[in-house]
PDB file of N, CA and C in Angstrom:
ATOM      1  N   MET A   1      92.791 -83.747  41.308  1.00  0.00           N
ATOM      2  CA  MET A   1      92.820 -82.997  39.837  1.00  0.00           C
ATOM      3  C   MET A   1      91.624 -82.423  39.625  1.00  0.00           C
ATOM      4  N   LEU A   2      90.792 -83.572  39.365  1.00  0.00           N
ATOM      5  CA  LEU A   2      89.533 -83.077  38.846  1.00  0.00           C
ATOM      6  C   LEU A   2      88.686 -82.120  39.851  1.00  0.00           C
ATOM      7  N   LYS A   3      88.764 -81.885  40.947  1.00  0.00           N
ATOM      8  CA  LYS A   3      88.115 -81.076  41.856  1.00  0.00           C
ATOM      9  C   LYS A   3      88.707 -79.586  41.792  1.00  0.00           C
ATOM     10  N   ALA A   4      90.074 -79.677  41.474  1.00  0.00           N
ATOM     11  CA  ALA A   4      90.789 -78.339  41.111  1.00  0.00           C
ATOM     12  C   ALA A   4      90.175 -77.422  39.867  1.00  0.00           C
ATOM     13  N   VAL A   5      90.154 -78.375  38.926  1.00  0.00           N
ATOM     14  CA  VAL A   5      89.328 -78.150  37.788  1.00  0.00           C
ATOM     15  C   VAL A   5      88.071 -77.273  37.758  1.00  0.00           C
ATOM     16  N   LEU A   6      87.084 -78.238  38.478  1.00  0.00           N
ATOM     17  CA  LEU A   6      85.656 -77.677  38.571  1.00  0.00           C
ATOM     18  C   LEU A   6      85.569 -76.907  39.629  1.00  0.00           C
ATOM     19  N   GLY A   7      86.398 -76.810  40.239  1.00  0.00           N
ATOM     20  CA  GLY A   7      86.299 -75.995  41.725  1.00  0.00           C
ATOM     21  C   GLY A   7      84.975 -76.500  42.883  1.00  0.00           C
ATOM     22  N   LYS A   8      85.128 -75.757  43.851  1.00  0.00           N
ATOM     23  CA  LYS A   8      83.934 -76.378  44.769  1.00  0.00           C
ATOM     24  C   LYS A   8      82.685 -75.941  44.749  1.00  0.00           C
ATOM     25  N   GLU A   9      82.590 -74.561  44.400  1.00  0.00           N
ATOM     26  CA  GLU A   9      81.293 -73.882  44.081  1.00  0.00           C
ATOM     27  C   GLU A   9      80.321 -74.611  43.158  1.00  0.00           C
ATOM     28  N   ASP A  10      79.174 -74.482  43.431  1.00  0.00           N
ATOM     29  CA  ASP A  10      77.972 -74.932  42.265  1.00  0.00           C
ATOM     30  C   ASP A  10      78.536 -74.316  40.806  1.00  0.00           C
ATOM     31  N   ILE A  11      78.326 -75.095  40.195  1.00  0.00           N
ATOM     32  CA  ILE A  11      78.499 -74.666  38.660  1.00  0.00           C
ATOM     33  C   ILE A  11      77.696 -75.016  37.615  1.00  0.00           C
ATOM     34  N   GLY A  12      77.566 -74.547  36.396  1.00  0.00           N
ATOM     35  CA  GLY A  12      76.631 -74.884  35.292  1.00  0.00           C
ATOM     36  C   GLY A  12      77.410 -76.030  34.744  1.00  0.00           C
ATOM     37  N   LEU A  13      76.254 -76.773  33.931  1.00  0.00           N
ATOM     38  CA  LEU A  13      76.514 -77.656  32.967  1.00  0.00           C
ATOM     39  C   LEU A  13      77.427 -77.403  31.990  1.00  0.00           C
ATOM     40  N   ASP A  14      77.724 -76.296  31.649  1.00  0.00           N
ATOM     41  CA  ASP A  14      78.731 -75.762  30.449  1.00  0.00           C
ATOM     42  C   ASP A  14      79.985 -75.513  30.839  1.00  0.00           C
ATOM     43  N   ARG A  15      80.411 -75.554  32.344  1.00  0.00           N
ATOM     44  CA  ARG A  15      81.286 -75.202  33.167  1.00  0.00           C
ATOM     45  C   ARG A  15      81.792 -76.521  33.556  1.00  0.00           C
ATOM     46  N   LEU A  16      80.965 -77.497  33.770  1.00  0.00           N
ATOM     47  CA  LEU A  16      81.437 -78.861  34.222  1.00  0.00           C
ATOM     48  C   LEU A  16      81.723 -79.753  33.080  1.00  0.00           C
ATOM     49  N   LYS A  17      81.262 -79.377  31.765  1.00  0.00           N
ATOM     50  CA  LYS A  17      81.992 -80.159  30.536  1.00  0.00           C
ATOM     51  C   LYS A  17      83.023 -79.786  30.277  1.00  0.00           C
ATOM     52  N   ARG A  18      83.319 -78.244  30.318  1.00  0.00           N
ATOM     53  CA  ARG A  18      84.277 -77.976  29.778  1.00  0.00           C
ATOM     54  C   ARG A  18      85.794 -78.532  30.991  1.00  0.00           C
ATOM     55  N   GLY A  19      85.428 -78.418  32.085  1.00  0.00           N
ATOM     56  CA  GLY A  19      86.413 -78.905  32.922  1.00  0.00           C
ATOM     57  C   GLY A  19      86.826 -80.377  32.807  1.00  0.00           C
ATOM     58  N   LEU A  20      85.628 -81.179  32.520  1.00  0.00           N
ATOM     59  CA  LEU A  20      85.792 -82.352  32.384  1.00  0.00           C
ATOM     60  C   LEU A  20      86.731 -82.905  31.270  1.00  0.00           C
ATOM     61  N   TYR A  21      86.254 -82.039  30.176  1.00  0.00           N
ATOM     62  CA  TYR A  21      86.860 -82.092  28.804  1.00  0.00           C
ATOM     63  C   TYR A  21      88.664 -81.988  29.025  1.00  0.00           C
ATOM     64  N   ARG A  22      88.822 -80.760  29.817  1.00  0.00           N
ATOM     65  CA  ARG A  22      90.120 -80.107  29.978  1.00  0.00           C
ATOM     66  C   ARG A  22      90.797 -81.338  31.120  1.00  0.00           C
ATOM     67  N   PHE A  23      90.254 -81.741  31.890  1.00  0.00           N
ATOM     68  CA  PHE A  23      90.869 -82.722  32.677  1.00  0.00           C
ATOM     69  C   PHE A  23      91.252 -84.228  31.824  1.00  0.00           C
ATOM     70  N   LEU A  24      90.428 -84.776  31.074  1.00  0.00           N
ATOM     71  CA  LEU A  24      90.352 -85.891  30.227  1.00  0.00           C
ATOM     72  C   LEU A  24      91.715 -85.474  29.196  1.00  0.00           C
ATOM     73  N   LEU A  25      91.576 -84.289  28.683  1.00  0.00           N
ATOM     74  CA  LEU A  25      92.828 -84.326  27.543  1.00  0.00           C
ATOM     75  C   LEU A  25      94.074 -84.236  28.432  1.00  0.00           C
ATOM     76  N   THR A  26      93.969 -83.456  29.771  1.00  0.00           N
ATOM     77  CA  THR A  26      95.336 -83.646  30.430  1.00  0.00           C
ATOM     78  C   THR A  26      95.779 -85.163  30.785  1.00  0.00           C
ATOM     79  N   TYR A  27      94.668 -85.555  31.134  1.00  0.00           N
ATOM     80  CA  TYR A  27      95.134 -87.201  31.535  1.00  0.00           C
ATOM     81  C   TYR A  27      95.582 -88.077  30.480  1.00  0.00           C
ATOM     82  N   ARG A  28      94.950 -87.877  29.207  1.00  0.00           N
ATOM     83  CA  ARG A  28      95.121 -88.568  28.251  1.00  0.00           C
ATOM     84  C   ARG A  28      96.535 -88.502  27.383  1.00  0.00           C
ATOM     85  N   ASN A  29      96.934 -87.559  27.949  1.00  0.00           N
ATOM     86  CA  ASN A  29      98.559 -86.686  27.262  1.00  0.00           C
ATOM     87  C   ASN A  29      99.587 -86.774  28.234  1.00  0.00           C
ATOM     88  N   THR A  30      99.073 -87.257  29.058  1.00  0.00           N
ATOM     89  CA  THR A  30     100.673 -87.187  30.372  1.00  0.00           C
ATOM     90  C   THR A  30     100.818 -88.546  30.419  1.00  0.00           C
ATOM     91  N   ALA A  31     102.283 -88.954  30.494  1.00  0.00           N
ATOM     92  CA  ALA A  31     102.745 -90.168  30.205  1.00  0.00           C
ATOM     93  C   ALA A  31     102.413 -90.772  31.702  1.00  0.00           C
ATOM     94  N   HIS A  32     102.234 -92.073  31.794  1.00  0.00           N
ATOM     95  CA  HIS A  32     102.292 -93.005  33.371  1.00  0.00           C
ATOM     96  C   HIS A  32     103.597 -93.375  33.623  1.00  0.00           C
ATOM     97  N   ALA A  33     103.508 -93.069  34.898  1.00  0.00           N
ATOM     98  CA  ALA A  33     104.701 -93.128  35.541  1.00  0.00           C
ATOM     99  C   ALA A  33     105.503 -94.521  35.641  1.00  0.00           C
ATOM    100  N   THR A  34     104.590 -95.800  35.418  1.00  0.00           N
ATOM    101  CA  THR A  34     105.237 -97.262  35.084  1.00  0.00           C
ATOM    102  C   THR A  34     105.539 -97.289  33.530  1.00  0.00           C
ATOM    103  N   THR A  35     104.624 -97.046  32.648  1.00  0.00           N
ATOM    104  CA  THR A  35     104.726 -97.112  31.320  1.00  0.00           C
ATOM    105  C   THR A  35     105.767 -96.431  30.753  1.00  0.00           C
ATOM    106  N   GLY A  36     105.689 -95.122  31.221  1.00  0.00           N
ATOM    107  CA  GLY A  36     106.402 -94.024  30.562  1.00  0.00           C
ATOM    108  C   GLY A  36     105.680 -93.975  29.221  1.00  0.00           C
ATOM    109  N   PHE A  37     104.361 -94.398  28.795  1.00  0.00           N
ATOM    110  CA  PHE A  37     103.607 -93.776  27.443  1.00  0.00           C
ATOM    111  C   PHE A  37     102.289 -93.129  28.028  1.00  0.00           C
ATOM    112  N   THR A  38     101.841 -92.100  27.224  1.00  0.00           N
ATOM    113  CA  THR A  38     100.394 -91.850  27.528  1.00  0.00           C
ATOM    114  C   THR A  38      99.083 -92.963  26.965  1.00  0.00           C
ATOM    115  N   PRO A  39      98.062 -92.573  27.588  1.00  0.00           N
ATOM    116  CA  PRO A  39      97.002 -93.436  27.552  1.00  0.00           C
ATOM    117  C   PRO A  39      96.648 -93.153  25.633  1.00  0.00           C
ATOM    118  N   ALA A  40      96.805 -92.105  25.594  1.00  0.00           N
ATOM    119  CA  ALA A  40      96.465 -91.911  23.873  1.00  0.00           C
ATOM    120  C   ALA A  40      97.502 -92.494  22.959  1.00  0.00           C
ATOM    121  N   ASP A  41      98.610 -92.668  23.250  1.00  0.00           N
ATOM    122  CA  ASP A  41      99.896 -93.662  22.721  1.00  0.00           C
ATOM    123  C   ASP A  41      99.354 -94.924  22.791  1.00  0.00           C
ATOM    124  N   LEU A  42      98.929 -95.672  23.886  1.00  0.00           N
ATOM    125  CA  LEU A  42      98.410 -96.894  23.668  1.00  0.00           C
ATOM    126  C   LEU A  42      97.358 -97.256  23.261  1.00  0.00           C
ATOM    127  N   LEU A  43      96.186 -96.268  23.131  1.00  0.00           N
ATOM    128  CA  LEU A  43      94.838 -96.645  22.483  1.00  0.00           C
ATOM    129  C   LEU A  43      94.991 -96.489  21.192  1.00  0.00           C
ATOM    130  N   ILE A  44      95.648 -95.264  20.670  1.00  0.00           N
ATOM    131  CA  ILE A  44      95.346 -94.997  19.356  1.00  0.00           C
ATOM    132  C   ILE A  44      96.640 -94.884  18.178  1.00  0.00           C
ATOM    133  N   GLY A  45      97.973 -95.222  19.192  1.00  0.00           N
ATOM    134  CA  GLY A  45      99.228 -94.928  18.810  1.00  0.00           C
ATOM    135  C   GLY A  45      99.975 -93.760  18.444  1.00  0.00           C
ATOM    136  N   ARG A  46      99.459 -92.717  18.934  1.00  0.00           N
ATOM    137  CA  ARG A  46     100.057 -91.351  18.754  1.00  0.00           C
ATOM    138  C   ARG A  46      99.448 -90.481  19.809  1.00  0.00           C
ATOM    139  N   GLN A  47     100.018 -89.549  19.785  1.00  0.00           N
ATOM    140  CA  GLN A  47      99.752 -88.380  20.696  1.00  0.00           C
ATOM    141  C   GLN A  47      98.490 -87.382  20.220  1.00  0.00           C
ATOM    142  N   SER A  48      97.710 -87.272  20.691  1.00  0.00           N
ATOM    143  CA  SER A  48      96.227 -86.720  20.273  1.00  0.00           C
ATOM    144  C   SER A  48      96.487 -85.168  20.275  1.00  0.00           C
ATOM    145  N   GLN A  49      95.895 -84.321  19.273  1.00  0.00           N
ATOM    146  CA  GLN A  49      95.996 -83.029  19.045  1.00  0.00           C
ATOM    147  C   GLN A  49      95.557 -82.464  20.363  1.00  0.00           C
ATOM    148  N   ILE A  50      96.184 -81.361  20.703  1.00  0.00           N
ATOM    149  CA  ILE A  50      95.982 -80.306  21.668  1.00  0.00           C
ATOM    150  C   ILE A  50      95.940 -78.854  20.836  1.00  0.00           C
ATOM    151  N   PRO A  51      95.157 -77.876  21.473  1.00  0.00           N
ATOM    152  CA  PRO A  51      95.349 -76.737  20.632  1.00  0.00           C
ATOM    153  C   PRO A  51      96.618 -76.019  20.354  1.00  0.00           C
ATOM    154  N   LEU A  52      97.427 -76.381  21.249  1.00  0.00           N
ATOM    155  CA  LEU A  52      98.750 -75.747  21.383  1.00  0.00           C
ATOM    156  C   LEU A  52      99.669 -76.243  19.839  1.00  0.00           C
ATOM    157  N   ASP A  53      99.052 -77.485  19.589  1.00  0.00           N
ATOM    158  CA  ASP A  53      99.650 -78.114  18.531  1.00  0.00           C
ATOM    159  C   ASP A  53      99.547 -77.262  17.166  1.00  0.00           C
ATOM    160  N   SER A  54      98.408 -76.649  17.162  1.00  0.00           N
ATOM    161  CA  SER A  54      98.053 -75.908  15.644  1.00  0.00           C
ATOM    162  C   SER A  54      98.757 -74.645  15.573  1.00  0.00           C
ATOM    163  N   VAL A  55      99.584 -74.177  16.587  1.00  0.00           N
ATOM    164  CA  VAL A  55     100.686 -72.947  16.666  1.00  0.00           C
ATOM    165  C   VAL A  55     101.983 -73.802  16.163  1.00  0.00           C
ATOM    166  N   SER A  56     102.468 -73.446  14.847  1.00  0.00           N
ATOM    167  CA  SER A  56     103.767 -73.876  14.305  1.00  0.00           C
ATOM    168  C   SER A  56     104.500 -72.814  14.275  1.00  0.00           C
ATOM    169  N   THR A  57     105.955 -73.163  14.537  1.00  0.00           N
ATOM    170  CA  THR A  57     106.940 -72.253  14.705  1.00  0.00           C
ATOM    171  C   THR A  57     107.658 -72.262  13.269  1.00  0.00           C
ATOM    172  N   ARG A  58     108.250 -71.086  12.913  1.00  0.00           N
ATOM    173  CA  ARG A  58     108.833 -70.924  11.826  1.00  0.00           C
ATOM    174  C   ARG A  58     110.016 -71.854  11.434  1.00  0.00           C
ATOM    175  N   PRO A  59     110.357 -72.568  10.459  1.00  0.00           N
ATOM    176  CA  PRO A  59     111.517 -73.938  10.668  1.00  0.00           C
ATOM    177  C   PRO A  59     113.030 -72.941  10.310  1.00  0.00           C
ATOM    178  N   ASN A  60     112.865 -71.687   9.627  1.00  0.00           N
ATOM    179  CA  ASN A  60     113.958 -70.991   9.655  1.00  0.00           C
ATOM    180  C   ASN A  60     114.660 -70.458  11.196  1.00  0.00           C
ATOM    181  N   VAL A  61     113.414 -70.207  11.747  1.00  0.00           N
ATOM    182  CA  VAL A  61     113.433 -69.766  13.533  1.00  0.00           C
ATOM    183  C   VAL A  61     114.353 -70.708  13.981  1.00  0.00           C
ATOM    184  N   GLU A  62     114.132 -72.091  13.643  1.00  0.00           N
ATOM    185  CA  GLU A  62     114.487 -73.215  14.543  1.00  0.00           C
ATOM    186  C   GLU A  62     115.993 -73.451  14.152  1.00  0.00           C
ATOM    187  N   LYS A  63     116.107 -73.323  12.572  1.00  0.00           N
ATOM    188  CA  LYS A  63     117.505 -73.500  12.221  1.00  0.00           C
ATOM    189  C   LYS A  63     118.542 -72.655  12.720  1.00  0.00           C
ATOM    190  N   SER A  64     118.197 -71.224  12.847  1.00  0.00           N
ATOM    191  CA  SER A  64     118.996 -70.467  13.319  1.00  0.00           C
ATOM    192  C   SER A  64     119.489 -70.516  14.785  1.00  0.00           C
ATOM    193  N   GLN A  65     118.291 -70.702  16.007  1.00  0.00           N
ATOM    194  CA  GLN A  65     118.625 -71.322  16.854  1.00  0.00           C
ATOM    195  C   GLN A  65     119.474 -72.386  17.240  1.00  0.00           C
ATOM    196  N   GLU A  66     119.357 -73.468  16.445  1.00  0.00           N
ATOM    197  CA  GLU A  66     120.307 -74.516  16.372  1.00  0.00           C
ATOM    198  C   GLU A  66     121.787 -74.140  16.379  1.00  0.00           C
ATOM    199  N   LYS A  67     121.730 -73.317  15.268  1.00  0.00           N
ATOM    200  CA  LYS A  67     123.306 -72.835  15.082  1.00  0.00           C
ATOM    201  C   LYS A  67     123.938 -72.041  16.211  1.00  0.00           C
ATOM    202  N   GLN A  68     122.733 -71.393  16.942  1.00  0.00           N
ATOM    203  CA  GLN A  68     123.521 -70.394  18.054  1.00  0.00           C
ATOM    204  C   GLN A  68     123.683 -71.144  18.852  1.00  0.00           C
ATOM    205  N   THR A  69     122.570 -71.894  19.320  1.00  0.00           N
ATOM    206  CA  THR A  69     123.066 -73.100  20.888  1.00  0.00           C
ATOM    207  C   THR A  69     124.197 -73.975  20.571  1.00  0.00           C
ATOM    208  N   ASN A  70     124.274 -74.337  19.491  1.00  0.00           N
ATOM    209  CA  ASN A  70     125.418 -75.557  19.185  1.00  0.00           C
ATOM    210  C   ASN A  70     126.077 -75.640  17.920  1.00  0.00           C
ATOM    211  N   PRO A  71     127.032 -74.439  17.514  1.00  0.00           N
ATOM    212  CA  PRO A  71     127.845 -74.331  16.693  1.00  0.00           C
ATOM    213  C   PRO A  71     128.590 -75.633  16.179  1.00  0.00           C
ATOM    214  N   LYS A  72     128.838 -76.368  15.450  1.00  0.00           N
ATOM    215  CA  LYS A  72     129.706 -77.490  15.412  1.00  0.00           C
ATOM    216  C   LYS A  72     130.138 -77.972  16.552  1.00  0.00           C
ATOM    217  N   ASN A  73     129.773 -77.684  17.706  1.00  0.00           N
ATOM    218  CA  ASN A  73     129.841 -78.716  19.193  1.00  0.00           C
ATOM    219  C   ASN A  73     131.661 -78.106  19.717  1.00  0.00           C
ATOM    220  N   GLU A  74     132.025 -76.752  19.005  1.00  0.00           N
ATOM    221  CA  GLU A  74     133.041 -76.207  19.452  1.00  0.00           C
ATOM    222  C   GLU A  74     132.683 -75.323  20.520  1.00  0.00           C
ATOM    223  N   VAL A  75     134.146 -75.298  21.335  1.00  0.00           N
ATOM    224  CA  VAL A  75     134.503 -74.784  22.596  1.00  0.00           C
ATOM    225  C   VAL A  75     135.182 -73.796  22.299  1.00  0.00           C
ATOM    226  N   ARG A  76     135.026 -72.183  22.457  1.00  0.00           N
ATOM    227  CA  ARG A  76     136.210 -71.331  22.091  1.00  0.00           C
ATOM    228  C   ARG A  76     136.958 -71.395  23.356  1.00  0.00           C
ATOM    229  N   SER A  77     138.191 -71.274  23.169  1.00  0.00           N
ATOM    230  CA  SER A  77     139.207 -71.467  24.028  1.00  0.00           C
ATOM    231  C   SER A  77     140.161 -70.066  23.740  1.00  0.00           C
ATOM    232  N   PHE A  78     140.405 -69.481  24.430  1.00  0.00           N
ATOM    233  CA  PHE A  78     141.343 -68.308  24.373  1.00  0.00           C
ATOM    234  C   PHE A  78     142.796 -68.407  25.354  1.00  0.00           C
ATOM    235  N   ASP A  79     143.709 -67.782  24.923  1.00  0.00           N
ATOM    236  CA  ASP A  79     145.066 -67.617  25.858  1.00  0.00           C
ATOM    237  C   ASP A  79     145.169 -66.422  26.337  1.00  0.00           C
ATOM    238  N   SER A  80     146.164 -66.247  27.594  1.00  0.00           N
ATOM    239  CA  SER A  80     146.232 -64.830  27.832  1.00  0.00           C
ATOM    240  C   SER A  80     146.964 -64.116  26.844  1.00  0.00           C
ATOM    241  N   GLY A  81     146.688 -62.967  26.534  1.00  0.00           N
ATOM    242  CA  GLY A  81     147.441 -62.166  25.572  1.00  0.00           C
ATOM    243  C   GLY A  81     146.808 -62.204  23.963  1.00  0.00           C
ATOM    244  N   ASN A  82     145.884 -63.380  23.762  1.00  0.00           N
ATOM    245  CA  ASN A  82     145.219 -63.166  22.593  1.00  0.00           C
ATOM    246  C   ASN A  82     144.313 -62.233  22.324  1.00  0.00           C
ATOM    247  N   THR A  83     144.260 -61.546  21.248  1.00  0.00           N
ATOM    248  CA  THR A  83     143.512 -60.163  20.693  1.00  0.00           C
ATOM    249  C   THR A  83     142.149 -60.674  20.370  1.00  0.00           C
ATOM    250  N   ILE A  84     141.035 -60.214  21.009  1.00  0.00           N
ATOM    251  CA  ILE A  84     139.722 -60.859  20.549  1.00  0.00           C
ATOM    252  C   ILE A  84     138.777 -59.595  20.947  1.00  0.00           C
ATOM    253  N   TRP A  85     137.473 -59.886  19.947  1.00  0.00           N
ATOM    254  CA  TRP A  85     136.711 -58.548  19.917  1.00  0.00           C
ATOM    255  C   TRP A  85     135.432 -58.990  21.202  1.00  0.00           C
ATOM    256  N   ALA A  86     135.269 -58.022  22.254  1.00  0.00           N
ATOM    257  CA  ALA A  86     134.536 -58.310  23.026  1.00  0.00           C
ATOM    258  C   ALA A  86     133.373 -56.930  23.096  1.00  0.00           C
ATOM    259  N   ARG A  87     132.103 -57.451  23.905  1.00  0.00           N
ATOM    260  CA  ARG A  87     131.290 -56.361  24.115  1.00  0.00           C
ATOM    261  C   ARG A  87     131.691 -55.460  25.085  1.00  0.00           C
ATOM    262  N   ASP A  88     131.692 -53.893  24.576  1.00  0.00           N
ATOM    263  CA  ASP A  88     131.724 -53.006  25.256  1.00  0.00           C
ATOM    264  C   ASP A  88     130.679 -52.394  25.746  1.00  0.00           C
ATOM    265  N   CYS A  89     130.477 -52.446  27.119  1.00  0.00           N
ATOM    266  CA  CYS A  89     129.097 -51.969  27.664  1.00  0.00           C
ATOM    267  C   CYS A  89     129.320 -50.712  27.894  1.00  0.00           C
ATOM    268  N   TYR A  90     130.315 -50.285  27.993  1.00  0.00           N
ATOM    269  CA  TYR A  90     130.602 -48.643  28.383  1.00  0.00           C
ATOM    270  C   TYR A  90     130.449 -47.682  27.299  1.00  0.00           C
ATOM    271  N   SER A  91     130.952 -48.028  26.219  1.00  0.00           N
ATOM    272  CA  SER A  91     130.889 -47.323  24.792  1.00  0.00           C
ATOM    273  C   SER A  91     129.441 -47.083  24.422  1.00  0.00           C
ATOM    274  N   GLN A  92     129.276 -45.695  24.163  1.00  0.00           N
ATOM    275  CA  GLN A  92     128.207 -45.340  23.527  1.00  0.00           C
ATOM    276  C   GLN A  92     128.086 -45.450  21.938  1.00  0.00           C
ATOM    277  N   HIS A  93     129.447 -45.459  21.411  1.00  0.00           N
ATOM    278  CA  HIS A  93     129.290 -45.362  20.187  1.00  0.00           C
ATOM    279  C   HIS A  93     129.412 -46.672  19.346  1.00  0.00           C
ATOM    280  N   SER A  94     130.056 -47.496  19.800  1.00  0.00           N
ATOM    281  CA  SER A  94     130.186 -48.931  19.238  1.00  0.00           C
ATOM    282  C   SER A  94     130.140 -49.904  20.108  1.00  0.00           C
ATOM    283  N   LYS A  95     129.291 -51.327  19.821  1.00  0.00           N
ATOM    284  CA  LYS A  95     128.949 -52.108  20.839  1.00  0.00           C
ATOM    285  C   LYS A  95     130.240 -53.095  20.941  1.00  0.00           C
ATOM    286  N   TRP A  96     130.933 -53.096  20.224  1.00  0.00           N
ATOM    287  CA  TRP A  96     131.990 -54.023  20.305  1.00  0.00           C
ATOM    288  C   TRP A  96     133.583 -53.537  20.086  1.00  0.00           C
ATOM    289  N   ALA A  97     134.671 -53.939  20.867  1.00  0.00           N
ATOM    290  CA  ALA A  97     135.645 -53.542  20.708  1.00  0.00           C
ATOM    291  C   ALA A  97     137.110 -54.693  21.050  1.00  0.00           C
ATOM    292  N   SER A  98     138.051 -54.248  20.174  1.00  0.00           N
ATOM    293  CA  SER A  98     139.162 -55.522  20.509  1.00  0.00           C
ATOM    294  C   SER A  98     139.844 -55.137  21.401  1.00  0.00           C
ATOM    295  N   GLY A  99     140.568 -56.335  22.215  1.00  0.00           N
ATOM    296  CA  GLY A  99     141.131 -56.019  23.140  1.00  0.00           C
ATOM    297  C   GLY A  99     142.213 -57.440  23.752  1.00  0.00           C
ATOM    298  N   PRO A 100     143.218 -57.361  24.466  1.00  0.00           N
ATOM    299  CA  PRO A 100     143.804 -58.727  24.746  1.00  0.00           C
ATOM    300  C   PRO A 100     143.303 -59.337  26.039  1.00  0.00           C
ATOM    301  N   VAL A 101     143.042 -60.505  26.204  1.00  0.00           N
ATOM    302  CA  VAL A 101     142.517 -61.667  27.037  1.00  0.00           C
ATOM    303  C   VAL A 101     143.691 -61.546  28.190  1.00  0.00           C
ATOM    304  N   LEU A 102     143.095 -61.004  29.224  1.00  0.00           N
ATOM    305  CA  LEU A 102     144.060 -61.123  30.846  1.00  0.00           C
ATOM    306  C   LEU A 102     143.946 -62.518  31.268  1.00  0.00           C
ATOM    307  N   TYR A 103     142.709 -62.934  31.336  1.00  0.00           N
ATOM    308  CA  TYR A 103     142.783 -64.246  32.296  1.00  0.00           C
ATOM    309  C   TYR A 103     141.262 -64.870  31.652  1.00  0.00           C
ATOM    310  N   ARG A 104     141.087 -66.037  32.424  1.00  0.00           N
ATOM    311  CA  ARG A 104     140.020 -66.641  32.511  1.00  0.00           C
ATOM    312  C   ARG A 104     139.413 -66.580  33.633  1.00  0.00           C
ATOM    313  N   THR A 105     137.789 -66.251  33.477  1.00  0.00           N
ATOM    314  CA  THR A 105     137.211 -66.238  34.721  1.00  0.00           C
ATOM    315  C   THR A 105     136.365 -67.349  35.168  1.00  0.00           C
ATOM    316  N   ALA A 106     136.011 -68.088  34.091  1.00  0.00           N
ATOM    317  CA  ALA A 106     135.155 -69.189  34.304  1.00  0.00           C
ATOM    318  C   ALA A 106     135.280 -70.255  32.793  1.00  0.00           C
ATOM    319  N   PRO A 107     134.654 -71.375  32.688  1.00  0.00           N
ATOM    320  CA  PRO A 107     134.958 -72.226  31.439  1.00  0.00           C
ATOM    321  C   PRO A 107     134.648 -71.377  30.122  1.00  0.00           C
ATOM    322  N   LEU A 108     133.995 -70.368  30.083  1.00  0.00           N
ATOM    323  CA  LEU A 108     133.277 -69.703  28.817  1.00  0.00           C
ATOM    324  C   LEU A 108     133.579 -68.227  28.971  1.00  0.00           C
ATOM    325  N   THR A 109     134.009 -67.850  30.123  1.00  0.00           N
ATOM    326  CA  THR A 109     134.128 -66.516  30.403  1.00  0.00           C
ATOM    327  C   THR A 109     135.537 -65.914  30.524  1.00  0.00           C
ATOM    328  N   PHE A 110     135.751 -64.754  29.851  1.00  0.00           N
ATOM    329  CA  PHE A 110     137.133 -64.027  29.786  1.00  0.00           C
ATOM    330  C   PHE A 110     137.409 -62.807  30.432  1.00  0.00           C
ATOM    331  N   GLN A 111     138.395 -62.425  31.203  1.00  0.00           N
ATOM    332  CA  GLN A 111     138.309 -60.987  31.143  1.00  0.00           C
ATOM    333  C   GLN A 111     139.366 -60.325  30.170  1.00  0.00           C
ATOM    334  N   VAL A 112     138.967 -59.152  29.372  1.00  0.00           N
ATOM    335  CA  VAL A 112     139.511 -58.756  28.335  1.00  0.00           C
ATOM    336  C   VAL A 112     139.640 -57.195  28.780  1.00  0.00           C
ATOM    337  N   LYS A 113     140.977 -56.678  28.373  1.00  0.00           N
ATOM    338  CA  LYS A 113     141.193 -55.195  28.384  1.00  0.00           C
ATOM    339  C   LYS A 113     140.545 -54.453  27.195  1.00  0.00           C
ATOM    340  N   VAL A 114     139.654 -53.699  27.645  1.00  0.00           N
ATOM    341  CA  VAL A 114     138.821 -52.923  26.493  1.00  0.00           C
ATOM    342  C   VAL A 114     139.026 -51.504  26.761  1.00  0.00           C
ATOM    343  N   GLY A 115     140.235 -50.809  25.960  1.00  0.00           N
ATOM    344  CA  GLY A 115     140.239 -49.283  26.127  1.00  0.00           C
ATOM    345  C   GLY A 115     141.380 -49.426  27.307  1.00  0.00           C
ATOM    346  N   ASP A 116     140.760 -48.306  28.749  1.00  0.00           N
ATOM    347  CA  ASP A 116     141.172 -48.005  29.781  1.00  0.00           C
ATOM    348  C   ASP A 116     140.497 -49.230  30.678  1.00  0.00           C
ATOM    349  N   LYS A 117     139.421 -49.694  30.309  1.00  0.00           N
ATOM    350  CA  LYS A 117     138.720 -50.694  31.243  1.00  0.00           C
ATOM    351  C   LYS A 117     138.838 -52.095  31.199  1.00  0.00           C
ATOM    352  N   LEU A 118     138.819 -53.032  32.178  1.00  0.00           N
ATOM    353  CA  LEU A 118     138.348 -54.335  32.185  1.00  0.00           C
ATOM    354  C   LEU A 118     137.261 -54.739  31.583  1.00  0.00           C
TER     355      LEU A 118
END
């Protein structure tokens, strides 16, 4: 791995230092296959800071994404004949239209009749 970072051609001292630092940072923050811990965890008891750690995400975005991916662990289920709102990809006026469920095509996918189209 060190050869891949440094390359095969003759390099300057500055590039050598950057390559070595990058290699050591990666090595110290990679979990060992046997112990499951990183050398940084075992040596200083925590993960070392890497440049990407300074980039923070907005807390509101994370909460919103959590709600979208796992809203109360509910799985929506519809029976044939139930009227639901479905995305109408053919309409240029409104994105959503109501229509009856015809049948289930997959665990979370249903065939819905919207206007004259399925």
